[in-house]
PDB file of N, CA and C in Angstrom:
ATOM      1  N   MET A   1       1.027  -0.990  -0.109  1.00  0.00           N
ATOM      2  CA  MET A   1      -0.126   0.045   0.000  1.00  0.00           C
ATOM      3  C   MET A   1       0.862   1.186  -0.023  1.00  0.00           C
ATOM      4  N   SER A   2       0.981   2.159  -1.012  1.00  0.00           N
ATOM      5  CA  SER A   2       1.407   3.363  -0.928  1.00  0.00           C
ATOM      6  C   SER A   2       1.307   4.112   0.031  1.00  0.00           C
ATOM      7  N   ALA A   3       2.024   5.009   0.224  1.00  0.00           N
ATOM      8  CA  ALA A   3       2.060   5.834   1.638  1.00  0.00           C
ATOM      9  C   ALA A   3       1.070   6.899   1.178  1.00  0.00           C
ATOM     10  N   GLY A   4       0.384   7.654   2.284  1.00  0.00           N
ATOM     11  CA  GLY A   4      -0.853   8.464   2.241  1.00  0.00           C
ATOM     12  C   GLY A   4      -2.109   8.086   1.304  1.00  0.00           C
ATOM     13  N   LYS A   5      -2.430   6.539   1.211  1.00  0.00           N
ATOM     14  CA  LYS A   5      -3.768   6.068   1.036  1.00  0.00           C
ATOM     15  C   LYS A   5      -4.035   4.983   2.188  1.00  0.00           C
ATOM     16  N   ASP A   6      -5.488   5.199   1.896  1.00  0.00           N
ATOM     17  CA  ASP A   6      -6.341   4.617   3.298  1.00  0.00           C
ATOM     18  C   ASP A   6      -6.616   2.987   2.544  1.00  0.00           C
ATOM     19  N   PRO A   7      -6.040   2.071   3.160  1.00  0.00           N
ATOM     20  CA  PRO A   7      -6.229   0.532   3.016  1.00  0.00           C
ATOM     21  C   PRO A   7      -7.740   0.584   2.509  1.00  0.00           C
ATOM     22  N   LEU A   8      -8.421   0.500   3.467  1.00  0.00           N
ATOM     23  CA  LEU A   8      -9.685   0.522   3.425  1.00  0.00           C
ATOM     24  C   LEU A   8     -10.306   1.001   2.394  1.00  0.00           C
ATOM     25  N   LYS A   9     -10.468   2.234   1.957  1.00  0.00           N
ATOM     26  CA  LYS A   9     -10.975   3.167   0.992  1.00  0.00           C
ATOM     27  C   LYS A   9     -10.593   2.179  -0.367  1.00  0.00           C
ATOM     28  N   GLU A  10      -8.963   1.991  -0.303  1.00  0.00           N
ATOM     29  CA  GLU A  10      -8.418   1.432  -1.765  1.00  0.00           C
ATOM     30  C   GLU A  10      -9.393  -0.153  -1.791  1.00  0.00           C
ATOM     31  N   LEU A  11      -9.338  -0.846  -0.696  1.00  0.00           N
ATOM     32  CA  LEU A  11      -9.931  -1.943  -0.914  1.00  0.00           C
ATOM     33  C   LEU A  11     -11.076  -2.068  -1.217  1.00  0.00           C
ATOM     34  N   LEU A  12     -12.098  -1.259  -0.701  1.00  0.00           N
ATOM     35  CA  LEU A  12     -13.615  -0.964  -1.142  1.00  0.00           C
ATOM     36  C   LEU A  12     -13.542  -0.261  -2.578  1.00  0.00           C
ATOM     37  N   ARG A  13     -12.890   0.235  -2.594  1.00  0.00           N
ATOM     38  CA  ARG A  13     -12.778   1.062  -4.331  1.00  0.00           C
ATOM     39  C   ARG A  13     -12.143   0.021  -5.575  1.00  0.00           C
ATOM     40  N   LEU A  14     -11.236  -1.051  -5.417  1.00  0.00           N
ATOM     41  CA  LEU A  14     -10.827  -1.968  -6.130  1.00  0.00           C
ATOM     42  C   LEU A  14     -12.017  -3.189  -6.071  1.00  0.00           C
ATOM     43  N   SER A  15     -12.318  -3.375  -4.881  1.00  0.00           N
ATOM     44  CA  SER A  15     -13.567  -4.408  -4.910  1.00  0.00           C
ATOM     45  C   SER A  15     -14.979  -4.008  -5.693  1.00  0.00           C
ATOM     46  N   HIS A  16     -15.323  -2.959  -5.736  1.00  0.00           N
ATOM     47  CA  HIS A  16     -16.384  -2.108  -6.365  1.00  0.00           C
ATOM     48  C   HIS A  16     -15.947  -2.428  -7.917  1.00  0.00           C
ATOM     49  N   GLU A  17     -14.977  -1.762  -8.641  1.00  0.00           N
ATOM     50  CA  GLU A  17     -14.553  -2.112  -9.659  1.00  0.00           C
ATOM     51  C   GLU A  17     -14.591  -3.230 -10.267  1.00  0.00           C
ATOM     52  N   ILE A  18     -13.869  -4.607  -9.291  1.00  0.00           N
ATOM     53  CA  ILE A  18     -13.991  -5.728  -9.745  1.00  0.00           C
ATOM     54  C   ILE A  18     -15.792  -6.243  -9.910  1.00  0.00           C
ATOM     55  N   GLY A  19     -16.284  -6.019  -9.006  1.00  0.00           N
ATOM     56  CA  GLY A  19     -17.530  -6.632  -8.836  1.00  0.00           C
ATOM     57  C   GLY A  19     -18.654  -5.829  -9.655  1.00  0.00           C
ATOM     58  N   ARG A  20     -18.150  -4.775 -10.803  1.00  0.00           N
ATOM     59  CA  ARG A  20     -19.197  -4.293 -11.653  1.00  0.00           C
ATOM     60  C   ARG A  20     -19.618  -5.198 -12.632  1.00  0.00           C
ATOM     61  N   GLU A  21     -20.901  -5.322 -12.399  1.00  0.00           N
ATOM     62  CA  GLU A  21     -21.516  -6.469 -13.587  1.00  0.00           C
ATOM     63  C   GLU A  21     -21.378  -6.350 -15.075  1.00  0.00           C
ATOM     64  N   ASP A  22     -20.833  -4.918 -15.473  1.00  0.00           N
ATOM     65  CA  ASP A  22     -20.599  -5.129 -16.726  1.00  0.00           C
ATOM     66  C   ASP A  22     -19.217  -5.371 -17.261  1.00  0.00           C
ATOM     67  N   ARG A  23     -18.574  -5.734 -15.767  1.00  0.00           N
ATOM     68  CA  ARG A  23     -17.114  -5.870 -16.325  1.00  0.00           C
ATOM     69  C   ARG A  23     -16.966  -7.551 -16.588  1.00  0.00           C
ATOM     70  N   ARG A  24     -17.692  -8.291 -15.560  1.00  0.00           N
ATOM     71  CA  ARG A  24     -18.149  -9.579 -15.997  1.00  0.00           C
ATOM     72  C   ARG A  24     -17.046 -10.569 -15.693  1.00  0.00           C
ATOM     73  N   LEU A  25     -16.282  -9.493 -14.297  1.00  0.00           N
ATOM     74  CA  LEU A  25     -15.296 -10.424 -13.539  1.00  0.00           C
ATOM     75  C   LEU A  25     -15.633 -11.460 -12.819  1.00  0.00           C
ATOM     76  N   THR A  26     -16.786 -11.372 -12.230  1.00  0.00           N
ATOM     77  CA  THR A  26     -17.127 -12.497 -10.987  1.00  0.00           C
ATOM     78  C   THR A  26     -18.461 -12.664 -11.456  1.00  0.00           C
ATOM     79  N   ILE A  27     -18.855 -13.808 -10.861  1.00  0.00           N
ATOM     80  CA  ILE A  27     -20.365 -14.793 -10.844  1.00  0.00           C
ATOM     81  C   ILE A  27     -21.237 -14.133  -9.720  1.00  0.00           C
ATOM     82  N   LEU A  28     -22.126 -13.448  -9.849  1.00  0.00           N
ATOM     83  CA  LEU A  28     -23.356 -12.924  -8.602  1.00  0.00           C
ATOM     84  C   LEU A  28     -22.204 -11.833  -7.731  1.00  0.00           C
ATOM     85  N   GLY A  29     -21.582 -11.374  -8.252  1.00  0.00           N
ATOM     86  CA  GLY A  29     -20.492 -10.181  -7.556  1.00  0.00           C
ATOM     87  C   GLY A  29     -19.870 -11.064  -6.250  1.00  0.00           C
ATOM     88  N   GLU A  30     -19.683 -12.365  -6.295  1.00  0.00           N
ATOM     89  CA  GLU A  30     -18.867 -13.003  -5.370  1.00  0.00           C
ATOM     90  C   GLU A  30     -17.149 -12.775  -5.693  1.00  0.00           C
ATOM     91  N   GLY A  31     -16.572 -13.069  -4.602  1.00  0.00           N
ATOM     92  CA  GLY A  31     -15.404 -13.482  -4.910  1.00  0.00           C
ATOM     93  C   GLY A  31     -14.198 -12.702  -3.730  1.00  0.00           C
ATOM     94  N   ASN A  32     -12.806 -13.114  -3.594  1.00  0.00           N
ATOM     95  CA  ASN A  32     -12.355 -12.266  -2.383  1.00  0.00           C
ATOM     96  C   ASN A  32     -11.864 -11.380  -2.769  1.00  0.00           C
ATOM     97  N   THR A  33     -11.378 -10.137  -1.600  1.00  0.00           N
ATOM     98  CA  THR A  33     -10.304  -9.167  -1.744  1.00  0.00           C
ATOM     99  C   THR A  33      -9.727  -8.997  -0.464  1.00  0.00           C
ATOM    100  N   SER A  34      -8.762  -8.751  -0.811  1.00  0.00           N
ATOM    101  CA  SER A  34      -8.040  -8.422   0.920  1.00  0.00           C
ATOM    102  C   SER A  34      -6.608  -7.159   0.688  1.00  0.00           C
ATOM    103  N   VAL A  35      -6.388  -6.794   1.439  1.00  0.00           N
ATOM    104  CA  VAL A  35      -5.315  -5.424   1.500  1.00  0.00           C
ATOM    105  C   VAL A  35      -4.550  -5.829   2.542  1.00  0.00           C
ATOM    106  N   ARG A  36      -2.881  -5.489   2.433  1.00  0.00           N
ATOM    107  CA  ARG A  36      -2.339  -5.887   3.594  1.00  0.00           C
ATOM    108  C   ARG A  36      -1.996  -4.203   4.392  1.00  0.00           C
ATOM    109  N   VAL A  37      -2.558  -4.216   5.371  1.00  0.00           N
ATOM    110  CA  VAL A  37      -2.260  -2.885   5.928  1.00  0.00           C
ATOM    111  C   VAL A  37      -0.932  -2.544   6.560  1.00  0.00           C
ATOM    112  N   ASP A  38      -0.169  -3.459   6.941  1.00  0.00           N
ATOM    113  CA  ASP A  38       1.166  -3.122   7.676  1.00  0.00           C
ATOM    114  C   ASP A  38       1.472  -4.368   7.878  1.00  0.00           C
ATOM    115  N   ASP A  39       2.804  -4.746   8.576  1.00  0.00           N
ATOM    116  CA  ASP A  39       3.448  -5.975   8.972  1.00  0.00           C
ATOM    117  C   ASP A  39       2.908  -6.769   9.953  1.00  0.00           C
ATOM    118  N   ASN A  40       1.742  -6.165  10.176  1.00  0.00           N
ATOM    119  CA  ASN A  40       1.009  -6.990  11.620  1.00  0.00           C
ATOM    120  C   ASN A  40      -0.685  -7.395  11.155  1.00  0.00           C
ATOM    121  N   GLU A  41      -1.097  -6.494   9.998  1.00  0.00           N
ATOM    122  CA  GLU A  41      -2.564  -6.573   9.930  1.00  0.00           C
ATOM    123  C   GLU A  41      -2.960  -6.717   8.627  1.00  0.00           C
ATOM    124  N   LEU A  42      -4.257  -7.407   8.020  1.00  0.00           N
ATOM    125  CA  LEU A  42      -4.864  -7.027   7.171  1.00  0.00           C
ATOM    126  C   LEU A  42      -6.091  -6.832   6.812  1.00  0.00           C
ATOM    127  N   LEU A  43      -6.712  -6.577   5.524  1.00  0.00           N
ATOM    128  CA  LEU A  43      -8.036  -6.203   5.807  1.00  0.00           C
ATOM    129  C   LEU A  43      -8.587  -7.246   4.665  1.00  0.00           C
ATOM    130  N   VAL A  44      -9.885  -8.006   4.837  1.00  0.00           N
ATOM    131  CA  VAL A  44     -10.087  -9.149   4.161  1.00  0.00           C
ATOM    132  C   VAL A  44     -11.849  -8.740   3.985  1.00  0.00           C
ATOM    133  N   LYS A  45     -12.288  -8.998   3.109  1.00  0.00           N
ATOM    134  CA  LYS A  45     -13.597  -8.860   2.645  1.00  0.00           C
ATOM    135  C   LYS A  45     -14.258  -9.969   3.415  1.00  0.00           C
ATOM    136  N   ALA A  46     -15.700  -9.946   3.979  1.00  0.00           N
ATOM    137  CA  ALA A  46     -16.209 -11.245   4.497  1.00  0.00           C
ATOM    138  C   ALA A  46     -16.940 -11.902   3.283  1.00  0.00           C
ATOM    139  N   SER A  47     -16.958 -13.538   3.756  1.00  0.00           N
ATOM    140  CA  SER A  47     -17.615 -14.259   2.642  1.00  0.00           C
ATOM    141  C   SER A  47     -19.057 -13.615   2.794  1.00  0.00           C
ATOM    142  N   GLY A  48     -19.919 -13.812   1.261  1.00  0.00           N
ATOM    143  CA  GLY A  48     -21.269 -13.753   1.351  1.00  0.00           C
ATOM    144  C   GLY A  48     -21.662 -12.219   0.857  1.00  0.00           C
ATOM    145  N   SER A  49     -20.447 -11.206   0.981  1.00  0.00           N
ATOM    146  CA  SER A  49     -20.696  -9.736   0.864  1.00  0.00           C
ATOM    147  C   SER A  49     -20.340  -9.506  -0.316  1.00  0.00           C
ATOM    148  N   CYS A  50     -21.222  -9.111  -1.446  1.00  0.00           N
ATOM    149  CA  CYS A  50     -21.354  -8.528  -2.871  1.00  0.00           C
ATOM    150  C   CYS A  50     -19.731  -7.361  -3.060  1.00  0.00           C
ATOM    151  N   LEU A  51     -18.982  -7.751  -4.117  1.00  0.00           N
ATOM    152  CA  LEU A  51     -18.024  -6.974  -4.438  1.00  0.00           C
ATOM    153  C   LEU A  51     -18.550  -5.697  -4.752  1.00  0.00           C
ATOM    154  N   ALA A  52     -19.640  -5.686  -5.682  1.00  0.00           N
ATOM    155  CA  ALA A  52     -19.897  -4.466  -6.505  1.00  0.00           C
ATOM    156  C   ALA A  52     -20.455  -3.286  -5.288  1.00  0.00           C
ATOM    157  N   ASN A  53     -21.269  -3.962  -3.949  1.00  0.00           N
ATOM    158  CA  ASN A  53     -21.449  -2.803  -2.902  1.00  0.00           C
ATOM    159  C   ASN A  53     -20.765  -2.955  -1.811  1.00  0.00           C
ATOM    160  N   LEU A  54     -19.801  -3.576  -1.731  1.00  0.00           N
ATOM    161  CA  LEU A  54     -19.172  -3.712  -0.598  1.00  0.00           C
ATOM    162  C   LEU A  54     -18.900  -2.681   0.517  1.00  0.00           C
ATOM    163  N   ARG A  55     -19.264  -2.864   1.946  1.00  0.00           N
ATOM    164  CA  ARG A  55     -19.287  -1.727   2.729  1.00  0.00           C
ATOM    165  C   ARG A  55     -18.252  -1.927   3.665  1.00  0.00           C
ATOM    166  N   ALA A  56     -17.741  -1.009   4.267  1.00  0.00           N
ATOM    167  CA  ALA A  56     -16.736  -0.834   4.930  1.00  0.00           C
ATOM    168  C   ALA A  56     -17.208  -2.196   6.616  1.00  0.00           C
ATOM    169  N   ASP A  57     -18.182  -2.219   7.091  1.00  0.00           N
ATOM    170  CA  ASP A  57     -18.848  -2.951   8.108  1.00  0.00           C
ATOM    171  C   ASP A  57     -18.778  -4.381   7.595  1.00  0.00           C
ATOM    172  N   GLN A  58     -18.350  -4.752   5.973  1.00  0.00           N
ATOM    173  CA  GLN A  58     -18.397  -6.056   5.608  1.00  0.00           C
ATOM    174  C   GLN A  58     -16.933  -6.558   5.339  1.00  0.00           C
ATOM    175  N   VAL A  59     -16.096  -5.958   5.749  1.00  0.00           N
ATOM    176  CA  VAL A  59     -14.495  -5.844   5.910  1.00  0.00           C
ATOM    177  C   VAL A  59     -14.026  -6.008   7.228  1.00  0.00           C
ATOM    178  N   THR A  60     -13.153  -7.346   7.570  1.00  0.00           N
ATOM    179  CA  THR A  60     -12.648  -7.709   8.437  1.00  0.00           C
ATOM    180  C   THR A  60     -11.021  -7.330   8.743  1.00  0.00           C
ATOM    181  N   ARG A  61     -10.993  -7.167   9.911  1.00  0.00           N
ATOM    182  CA  ARG A  61      -9.643  -6.809  10.300  1.00  0.00           C
ATOM    183  C   ARG A  61      -8.652  -8.023  10.457  1.00  0.00           C
ATOM    184  N   CYS A  62      -7.577  -8.284  10.322  1.00  0.00           N
ATOM    185  CA  CYS A  62      -7.235  -9.898  10.574  1.00  0.00           C
ATOM    186  C   CYS A  62      -5.634  -9.393  11.077  1.00  0.00           C
ATOM    187  N   ARG A  63      -5.152  -9.947  12.135  1.00  0.00           N
ATOM    188  CA  ARG A  63      -3.857  -9.950  12.470  1.00  0.00           C
ATOM    189  C   ARG A  63      -3.031 -11.037  12.310  1.00  0.00           C
ATOM    190  N   PHE A  64      -2.027 -10.996  11.687  1.00  0.00           N
ATOM    191  CA  PHE A  64      -1.243 -12.210  10.986  1.00  0.00           C
ATOM    192  C   PHE A  64      -0.970 -12.859  12.352  1.00  0.00           C
ATOM    193  N   ASP A  65      -0.152 -12.417  13.566  1.00  0.00           N
ATOM    194  CA  ASP A  65       0.172 -13.428  14.555  1.00  0.00           C
ATOM    195  C   ASP A  65      -0.961 -14.509  15.006  1.00  0.00           C
ATOM    196  N   THR A  66      -2.438 -13.654  15.255  1.00  0.00           N
ATOM    197  CA  THR A  66      -3.303 -14.590  15.340  1.00  0.00           C
ATOM    198  C   THR A  66      -4.098 -15.671  14.304  1.00  0.00           C
ATOM    199  N   VAL A  67      -3.690 -15.420  13.209  1.00  0.00           N
ATOM    200  CA  VAL A  67      -4.328 -15.877  11.942  1.00  0.00           C
ATOM    201  C   VAL A  67      -3.374 -17.286  11.984  1.00  0.00           C
ATOM    202  N   LEU A  68      -2.061 -16.909  12.141  1.00  0.00           N
ATOM    203  CA  LEU A  68      -0.725 -17.740  11.852  1.00  0.00           C
ATOM    204  C   LEU A  68      -1.161 -18.744  12.841  1.00  0.00           C
ATOM    205  N   SER A  69      -1.213 -18.593  14.283  1.00  0.00           N
ATOM    206  CA  SER A  69      -1.691 -19.238  15.251  1.00  0.00           C
ATOM    207  C   SER A  69      -2.540 -20.025  15.188  1.00  0.00           C
ATOM    208  N   LEU A  70      -3.881 -19.905  14.613  1.00  0.00           N
ATOM    209  CA  LEU A  70      -4.822 -20.408  14.554  1.00  0.00           C
ATOM    210  C   LEU A  70      -4.854 -21.733  13.605  1.00  0.00           C
ATOM    211  N   LEU A  71      -3.853 -21.215  12.334  1.00  0.00           N
ATOM    212  CA  LEU A  71      -3.573 -22.220  11.507  1.00  0.00           C
ATOM    213  C   LEU A  71      -2.515 -23.367  12.069  1.00  0.00           C
ATOM    214  N   GLU A  72      -1.637 -22.973  13.045  1.00  0.00           N
ATOM    215  CA  GLU A  72      -0.716 -23.899  13.912  1.00  0.00           C
ATOM    216  C   GLU A  72      -1.379 -24.712  14.744  1.00  0.00           C
ATOM    217  N   GLU A  73      -2.610 -24.408  15.370  1.00  0.00           N
ATOM    218  CA  GLU A  73      -3.603 -25.136  16.256  1.00  0.00           C
ATOM    219  C   GLU A  73      -4.057 -25.887  15.574  1.00  0.00           C
ATOM    220  N   ARG A  74      -4.582 -26.107  14.177  1.00  0.00           N
ATOM    221  CA  ARG A  74      -5.397 -26.814  13.335  1.00  0.00           C
ATOM    222  C   ARG A  74      -4.555 -28.492  13.251  1.00  0.00           C
ATOM    223  N   ASP A  75      -3.027 -28.268  13.676  1.00  0.00           N
ATOM    224  CA  ASP A  75      -2.402 -29.644  13.644  1.00  0.00           C
ATOM    225  C   ASP A  75      -2.635 -30.431  14.504  1.00  0.00           C
ATOM    226  N   SER A  76      -3.242 -29.639  15.607  1.00  0.00           N
ATOM    227  CA  SER A  76      -3.258 -30.389  16.938  1.00  0.00           C
ATOM    228  C   SER A  76      -4.559 -31.068  17.300  1.00  0.00           C
ATOM    229  N   PRO A  77      -4.884 -31.884  17.772  1.00  0.00           N
ATOM    230  CA  PRO A  77      -6.048 -32.708  17.930  1.00  0.00           C
ATOM    231  C   PRO A  77      -6.908 -31.557  18.580  1.00  0.00           C
ATOM    232  N   PHE A  78      -8.289 -31.492  18.401  1.00  0.00           N
ATOM    233  CA  PHE A  78      -9.181 -30.819  18.745  1.00  0.00           C
ATOM    234  C   PHE A  78      -9.637 -31.190  19.916  1.00  0.00           C
ATOM    235  N   SER A  79      -9.929 -30.079  21.036  1.00  0.00           N
ATOM    236  CA  SER A  79     -10.633 -30.205  22.385  1.00  0.00           C
ATOM    237  C   SER A  79     -11.168 -29.288  22.456  1.00  0.00           C
ATOM    238  N   ASN A  80     -12.299 -29.544  23.536  1.00  0.00           N
ATOM    239  CA  ASN A  80     -13.411 -28.786  23.649  1.00  0.00           C
ATOM    240  C   ASN A  80     -13.515 -28.029  24.925  1.00  0.00           C
ATOM    241  N   GLU A  81     -12.324 -28.391  25.957  1.00  0.00           N
ATOM    242  CA  GLU A  81     -11.626 -28.045  27.076  1.00  0.00           C
ATOM    243  C   GLU A  81     -10.928 -26.984  27.207  1.00  0.00           C
TER     244      GLU A  81
END
């Protein structure tokens, strides 16, 4: 992400452009978009939301350390305790 740009605004703009029906780049406006905010975070489009009219409240902020720890835990046996 270049300096001075708002990652959320840029993700929304890109998602809206990709999701435009006249572009015919997606089926039913579905697909995934994300943007890396910095060394520790990324923004991800929520599943089930439409690219063409994606809103800020449909974007999830994820931390790499949290996501990576979840991926590492999936190799461990599941416990409900």
